[in-house]
Amino acid sequence: MFSSCLELLSTDVAEAREHLITFLVMGLVALFCLGVGLVLLAILIAVAFWGSHRRMALGGLTGVFLVAGAGVAWLAMHKARARPRLFAASLAELSKDRQHLRSGS
């Protein structure tokens, strides 16, 4: 009984670790690609408006980046608060086992 609980917990830990590593790698690659793309787009827009409205173009790009950064930071905080509990399935199974043992005794 106790060994099956430990196996279930170790499986949950392994799944959580694998999910976290995959999420971090994919997130870092996506952030790198998006960052390079945004920097290149900002340079392109600034160069396109350099002769006529360079201050307006640079100010607009700055505003867009600040708003996007604040939005992504808010979304990350929201997702961090709403994540599922670690070991939720294991704790539910242990609770069922405990109830079963109490009713069977």
N, C-alpha and C. Protein backbone atom coordinates (compact mmCIF):
# COMPACT_ATOMS: atom_id res chain seq x y z
N MET A 1 0.83 -1.19 0.00
CA MET A 1 0.00 0.00 0.00
C MET A 1 0.87 1.25 0.00
N PHE A 2 1.82 1.30 0.95
CA PHE A 2 2.69 2.46 1.06
C PHE A 2 3.58 2.59 -0.16
N SER A 3 4.07 1.48 -0.70
CA SER A 3 4.94 1.53 -1.87
C SER A 3 4.18 2.02 -3.10
N SER A 4 2.89 1.66 -3.21
CA SER A 4 2.11 2.14 -4.35
C SER A 4 1.90 3.65 -4.26
N CYS A 5 1.76 4.17 -3.05
CA CYS A 5 1.64 5.63 -2.88
C CYS A 5 2.93 6.32 -3.28
N LEU A 6 4.05 5.74 -2.89
CA LEU A 6 5.34 6.33 -3.27
C LEU A 6 5.56 6.26 -4.78
N GLU A 7 5.13 5.17 -5.40
CA GLU A 7 5.25 5.07 -6.85
C GLU A 7 4.39 6.11 -7.54
N LEU A 8 3.19 6.33 -7.03
CA LEU A 8 2.29 7.32 -7.59
C LEU A 8 2.87 8.72 -7.43
N LEU A 9 3.42 9.01 -6.26
CA LEU A 9 4.05 10.31 -6.04
C LEU A 9 5.27 10.50 -6.92
N SER A 10 6.09 9.47 -7.07
CA SER A 10 7.28 9.60 -7.92
C SER A 10 6.89 9.80 -9.38
N THR A 11 5.81 9.16 -9.80
CA THR A 11 5.32 9.37 -11.16
C THR A 11 4.85 10.80 -11.34
N ASP A 12 4.13 11.33 -10.35
CA ASP A 12 3.69 12.73 -10.42
C ASP A 12 4.88 13.68 -10.48
N VAL A 13 5.90 13.43 -9.68
CA VAL A 13 7.08 14.29 -9.68
C VAL A 13 7.78 14.23 -11.03
N ALA A 14 7.91 13.05 -11.59
CA ALA A 14 8.57 12.90 -12.89
C ALA A 14 7.78 13.61 -13.98
N GLU A 15 6.47 13.48 -13.96
CA GLU A 15 5.64 14.16 -14.95
C GLU A 15 5.73 15.68 -14.80
N ALA A 16 5.70 16.15 -13.58
CA ALA A 16 5.79 17.60 -13.34
C ALA A 16 7.15 18.13 -13.79
N ARG A 17 8.22 17.39 -13.50
CA ARG A 17 9.55 17.82 -13.91
C ARG A 17 9.67 17.86 -15.44
N GLU A 18 9.17 16.82 -16.10
CA GLU A 18 9.23 16.78 -17.56
C GLU A 18 8.43 17.92 -18.17
N HIS A 19 7.25 18.17 -17.62
CA HIS A 19 6.41 19.26 -18.12
C HIS A 19 7.10 20.61 -17.93
N LEU A 20 7.72 20.81 -16.78
CA LEU A 20 8.40 22.07 -16.50
C LEU A 20 9.60 22.28 -17.42
N ILE A 21 10.39 21.25 -17.63
CA ILE A 21 11.56 21.38 -18.50
C ILE A 21 11.12 21.68 -19.94
N THR A 22 10.13 20.95 -20.42
CA THR A 22 9.62 21.20 -21.77
C THR A 22 9.08 22.62 -21.89
N PHE A 23 8.32 23.05 -20.91
CA PHE A 23 7.76 24.39 -20.92
C PHE A 23 8.85 25.45 -20.93
N LEU A 24 9.87 25.28 -20.11
CA LEU A 24 10.95 26.26 -20.04
C LEU A 24 11.74 26.33 -21.34
N VAL A 25 12.07 25.18 -21.91
CA VAL A 25 12.83 25.18 -23.17
C VAL A 25 12.02 25.82 -24.29
N MET A 26 10.78 25.40 -24.43
CA MET A 26 9.94 25.97 -25.48
C MET A 26 9.72 27.47 -25.26
N GLY A 27 9.53 27.86 -24.02
CA GLY A 27 9.34 29.27 -23.71
C GLY A 27 10.57 30.11 -24.02
N LEU A 28 11.74 29.60 -23.69
CA LEU A 28 12.97 30.35 -23.97
C LEU A 28 13.22 30.47 -25.47
N VAL A 29 12.98 29.41 -26.22
CA VAL A 29 13.15 29.47 -27.66
C VAL A 29 12.16 30.45 -28.27
N ALA A 30 10.92 30.40 -27.83
CA ALA A 30 9.90 31.32 -28.34
C ALA A 30 10.25 32.76 -27.99
N LEU A 31 10.68 33.01 -26.77
CA LEU A 31 11.05 34.37 -26.37
C LEU A 31 12.24 34.88 -27.17
N PHE A 32 13.22 34.03 -27.41
CA PHE A 32 14.37 34.44 -28.20
C PHE A 32 13.95 34.83 -29.62
N CYS A 33 13.17 33.96 -30.26
CA CYS A 33 12.74 34.23 -31.64
C CYS A 33 11.86 35.48 -31.72
N LEU A 34 10.93 35.60 -30.80
CA LEU A 34 10.07 36.79 -30.79
C LEU A 34 10.88 38.05 -30.50
N GLY A 35 11.82 37.95 -29.60
CA GLY A 35 12.65 39.12 -29.27
C GLY A 35 13.47 39.59 -30.46
N VAL A 36 14.11 38.66 -31.14
CA VAL A 36 14.89 39.03 -32.32
C VAL A 36 13.98 39.61 -33.40
N GLY A 37 12.83 38.99 -33.59
CA GLY A 37 11.89 39.50 -34.59
C GLY A 37 11.39 40.89 -34.26
N LEU A 38 11.09 41.15 -33.00
CA LEU A 38 10.61 42.48 -32.61
C LEU A 38 11.70 43.53 -32.74
N VAL A 39 12.92 43.19 -32.38
CA VAL A 39 14.02 44.15 -32.53
C VAL A 39 14.24 44.49 -34.00
N LEU A 40 14.22 43.48 -34.86
CA LEU A 40 14.39 43.73 -36.28
C LEU A 40 13.24 44.55 -36.86
N LEU A 41 12.02 44.27 -36.41
CA LEU A 41 10.86 45.06 -36.85
C LEU A 41 10.98 46.50 -36.38
N ALA A 42 11.41 46.71 -35.14
CA ALA A 42 11.58 48.06 -34.63
C ALA A 42 12.64 48.82 -35.43
N ILE A 43 13.73 48.15 -35.76
CA ILE A 43 14.77 48.80 -36.57
C ILE A 43 14.23 49.15 -37.95
N LEU A 44 13.49 48.24 -38.55
CA LEU A 44 12.90 48.49 -39.87
C LEU A 44 11.97 49.69 -39.85
N ILE A 45 11.11 49.75 -38.85
CA ILE A 45 10.17 50.88 -38.76
C ILE A 45 10.91 52.18 -38.49
N ALA A 46 11.89 52.16 -37.60
CA ALA A 46 12.66 53.37 -37.31
C ALA A 46 13.40 53.86 -38.54
N VAL A 47 13.98 52.95 -39.30
CA VAL A 47 14.71 53.34 -40.52
C VAL A 47 13.74 53.87 -41.56
N ALA A 48 12.56 53.27 -41.68
CA ALA A 48 11.57 53.72 -42.66
C ALA A 48 11.10 55.14 -42.38
N PHE A 49 10.99 55.52 -41.11
CA PHE A 49 10.50 56.85 -40.76
C PHE A 49 11.63 57.80 -40.32
N TRP A 50 12.88 57.45 -40.57
CA TRP A 50 14.00 58.24 -40.06
C TRP A 50 14.00 59.67 -40.59
N GLY A 51 13.65 59.85 -41.84
CA GLY A 51 13.70 61.18 -42.42
C GLY A 51 12.56 62.09 -42.00
N SER A 52 11.37 61.54 -41.77
CA SER A 52 10.22 62.40 -41.53
C SER A 52 9.73 62.38 -40.09
N HIS A 53 9.47 61.24 -39.53
CA HIS A 53 8.84 61.15 -38.20
C HIS A 53 9.60 60.19 -37.29
N ARG A 54 10.89 60.38 -37.17
CA ARG A 54 11.67 59.40 -36.40
C ARG A 54 11.31 59.39 -34.93
N ARG A 55 11.06 60.57 -34.33
CA ARG A 55 10.70 60.60 -32.90
C ARG A 55 9.36 59.93 -32.65
N MET A 56 8.41 60.19 -33.53
CA MET A 56 7.09 59.58 -33.37
C MET A 56 7.19 58.06 -33.55
N ALA A 57 7.96 57.59 -34.51
CA ALA A 57 8.12 56.15 -34.73
C ALA A 57 8.78 55.50 -33.53
N LEU A 58 9.86 56.08 -33.02
CA LEU A 58 10.55 55.50 -31.88
C LEU A 58 9.69 55.55 -30.62
N GLY A 59 8.96 56.63 -30.41
CA GLY A 59 8.06 56.74 -29.27
C GLY A 59 6.92 55.73 -29.35
N GLY A 60 6.37 55.57 -30.53
CA GLY A 60 5.29 54.59 -30.71
C GLY A 60 5.77 53.17 -30.47
N LEU A 61 6.95 52.85 -30.99
CA LEU A 61 7.50 51.52 -30.78
C LEU A 61 7.79 51.27 -29.30
N THR A 62 8.30 52.29 -28.63
CA THR A 62 8.57 52.16 -27.20
C THR A 62 7.28 51.88 -26.45
N GLY A 63 6.23 52.61 -26.77
CA GLY A 63 4.93 52.40 -26.13
C GLY A 63 4.38 51.01 -26.38
N VAL A 64 4.50 50.55 -27.62
CA VAL A 64 4.01 49.21 -27.95
C VAL A 64 4.76 48.15 -27.15
N PHE A 65 6.08 48.28 -27.07
CA PHE A 65 6.87 47.30 -26.32
C PHE A 65 6.55 47.34 -24.83
N LEU A 66 6.36 48.52 -24.28
CA LEU A 66 6.04 48.61 -22.86
C LEU A 66 4.66 48.02 -22.55
N VAL A 67 3.70 48.30 -23.38
CA VAL A 67 2.36 47.75 -23.19
C VAL A 67 2.37 46.23 -23.35
N ALA A 68 3.07 45.74 -24.37
CA ALA A 68 3.15 44.30 -24.58
C ALA A 68 3.87 43.62 -23.41
N GLY A 69 4.93 44.21 -22.93
CA GLY A 69 5.66 43.64 -21.80
C GLY A 69 4.80 43.58 -20.55
N ALA A 70 4.06 44.67 -20.28
CA ALA A 70 3.17 44.68 -19.12
C ALA A 70 2.06 43.65 -19.27
N GLY A 71 1.52 43.50 -20.48
CA GLY A 71 0.47 42.52 -20.71
C GLY A 71 0.95 41.09 -20.52
N VAL A 72 2.14 40.80 -21.01
CA VAL A 72 2.70 39.46 -20.86
C VAL A 72 3.04 39.18 -19.40
N ALA A 73 3.55 40.18 -18.69
CA ALA A 73 3.85 40.01 -17.27
C ALA A 73 2.56 39.73 -16.48
N TRP A 74 1.50 40.45 -16.80
CA TRP A 74 0.21 40.20 -16.13
C TRP A 74 -0.30 38.79 -16.44
N LEU A 75 -0.19 38.38 -17.71
CA LEU A 75 -0.65 37.05 -18.09
C LEU A 75 0.17 35.96 -17.39
N ALA A 76 1.47 36.15 -17.27
CA ALA A 76 2.32 35.17 -16.58
C ALA A 76 1.93 35.07 -15.11
N MET A 77 1.68 36.19 -14.47
CA MET A 77 1.27 36.16 -13.06
C MET A 77 -0.08 35.47 -12.91
N HIS A 78 -0.99 35.73 -13.83
CA HIS A 78 -2.31 35.10 -13.79
C HIS A 78 -2.18 33.59 -13.95
N LYS A 79 -1.37 33.15 -14.89
CA LYS A 79 -1.17 31.71 -15.10
C LYS A 79 -0.47 31.07 -13.91
N ALA A 80 0.46 31.78 -13.28
CA ALA A 80 1.16 31.23 -12.11
C ALA A 80 0.20 31.04 -10.95
N ARG A 81 -0.76 31.94 -10.79
CA ARG A 81 -1.73 31.81 -9.70
C ARG A 81 -2.76 30.73 -9.98
N ALA A 82 -3.07 30.48 -11.26
CA ALA A 82 -4.14 29.56 -11.63
C ALA A 82 -3.64 28.15 -11.96
N ARG A 83 -2.38 27.87 -11.72
CA ARG A 83 -1.85 26.55 -12.08
C ARG A 83 -2.45 25.48 -11.17
N PRO A 84 -2.54 24.26 -11.68
CA PRO A 84 -3.09 23.17 -10.86
C PRO A 84 -2.12 22.82 -9.72
N ARG A 85 -2.68 22.32 -8.65
CA ARG A 85 -1.87 21.95 -7.49
C ARG A 85 -0.99 20.76 -7.83
N LEU A 86 0.22 20.79 -7.30
CA LEU A 86 1.13 19.68 -7.47
C LEU A 86 0.63 18.51 -6.63
N PHE A 87 0.68 17.33 -7.17
CA PHE A 87 0.24 16.10 -6.51
C PHE A 87 -1.28 16.06 -6.29
N ALA A 88 -2.05 16.78 -7.08
CA ALA A 88 -3.50 16.79 -6.88
C ALA A 88 -4.09 15.40 -7.06
N ALA A 89 -3.66 14.68 -8.10
CA ALA A 89 -4.20 13.34 -8.34
C ALA A 89 -3.77 12.39 -7.23
N SER A 90 -2.54 12.52 -6.78
CA SER A 90 -2.04 11.64 -5.71
C SER A 90 -2.78 11.90 -4.41
N LEU A 91 -2.98 13.16 -4.08
CA LEU A 91 -3.69 13.49 -2.85
C LEU A 91 -5.14 13.01 -2.89
N ALA A 92 -5.77 13.11 -4.04
CA ALA A 92 -7.15 12.62 -4.18
C ALA A 92 -7.20 11.11 -4.01
N GLU A 93 -6.21 10.43 -4.60
CA GLU A 93 -6.17 8.97 -4.47
C GLU A 93 -5.90 8.55 -3.02
N LEU A 94 -5.01 9.25 -2.35
CA LEU A 94 -4.74 8.95 -0.94
C LEU A 94 -5.97 9.20 -0.08
N SER A 95 -6.70 10.25 -0.38
CA SER A 95 -7.93 10.54 0.36
C SER A 95 -8.95 9.43 0.17
N LYS A 96 -9.09 8.94 -1.08
CA LYS A 96 -10.00 7.84 -1.33
C LYS A 96 -9.57 6.59 -0.57
N ASP A 97 -8.25 6.32 -0.59
CA ASP A 97 -7.74 5.15 0.14
C ASP A 97 -8.02 5.27 1.63
N ARG A 98 -7.81 6.45 2.18
CA ARG A 98 -8.05 6.67 3.60
C ARG A 98 -9.52 6.45 3.93
N GLN A 99 -10.42 6.98 3.10
CA GLN A 99 -11.85 6.78 3.33
C GLN A 99 -12.22 5.30 3.23
N HIS A 100 -11.62 4.63 2.27
CA HIS A 100 -11.90 3.20 2.09
C HIS A 100 -11.41 2.39 3.30
N LEU A 101 -10.25 2.73 3.80
CA LEU A 101 -9.72 2.03 4.98
C LEU A 101 -10.56 2.30 6.21
N ARG A 102 -11.03 3.53 6.38
CA ARG A 102 -11.86 3.86 7.55
C ARG A 102 -13.22 3.16 7.48
N SER A 103 -13.80 3.09 6.30
CA SER A 103 -15.12 2.45 6.18
C SER A 103 -15.00 0.93 6.25
N GLY A 104 -13.86 0.39 5.84
CA GLY A 104 -13.68 -1.06 5.86
C GLY A 104 -13.25 -1.58 7.23
N SER A 105 -12.76 -0.75 8.11
CA SER A 105 -12.25 -1.19 9.41
C SER A 105 -13.33 -1.46 10.41
